[in-house]
Amino acid sequence: MKFFPVLIMTFIFSLYTLTEAQQKKKPVRVNPMTPIVGVNGLPHALIIGDSISIGYTLPTRALLKGKVNLHRIPTNGGPTTKGIAEIEKWLGNKNWDLIHFNWGLHDLKFMGKDGTNLVPREQGGMVQVPLSDYEKNLEKLVVRMKKSAKQVVWRNTTPIPPGSKARYVGDSVKYNQAASLIMKKHGVPTLDLFTPSKVNMNDWMREANVHYFPHGSQALAELVAQDILERLKN
């Protein structure tokens, strides 16, 4: 019987040691918006975009490791109005080799008149940035970015699944159509993520939600990484 306390203490210590070892093995979470230290001699690319781009930033960076210094803005790019307000800070005084950018999903969402996020139009919500204002803002942003980059690439706005809160099926198409005219006017190429996302919506995207499962973000990352590499070869 006198051995029981010793056995119990040994068992507790082994559990503690195992838990401590498991904690040490737990991978450190990396914030995709944390600034990176660039590698000398590699081109510098910048991602500007919303949470969709936040989702594919880290896997894209992994795919481009040793080939491209992939930076991103330290925040969600939000609507074009936020872009207009913060673009100077985001671009800094750097001469970028390439900027990969998008605005759209925040512009087309419906908001409360008091600024409440995601209020359906059936409940009095109003579109955050009307299409006509979106066009004007986007053109200003394109003109500004071209002054700071050798290349700029438009990544079109991804689709809206049925049932998404305060966003409506088909609005991505309308905003993409407006954006395509601006890109054509200024000679800006487009990476189409709308079409593959639409085709693979049931697999890549969450139900009634504009966001992606991790494997969906990985699929987007592969398309973005390939696009960036091909653009930088030219």
Foldseek 3Di string as FASTA:
>chain_A
DVCVVVVVVVVVVVVVVVVVVVVVPDDDDDQLLDFDDDDPPAAEEEEAAAVLCSLQSVLLCVVCPPHYHYHYHNHGNAALVSCVVCVCVRLDQAQHAEYEYEHDPRQQFWAAPVGHPQDAVVRVTDRNHDLVRSLVSVLVNVVVVVVRYPAYEYEQDAAFAPQAGRHDGPRSVVNRVSVVVSCVVVVHHYQYPHVVCVVCVVPFHDHSHRHGDSVNSSVVSVSVSVVVVVVSVD
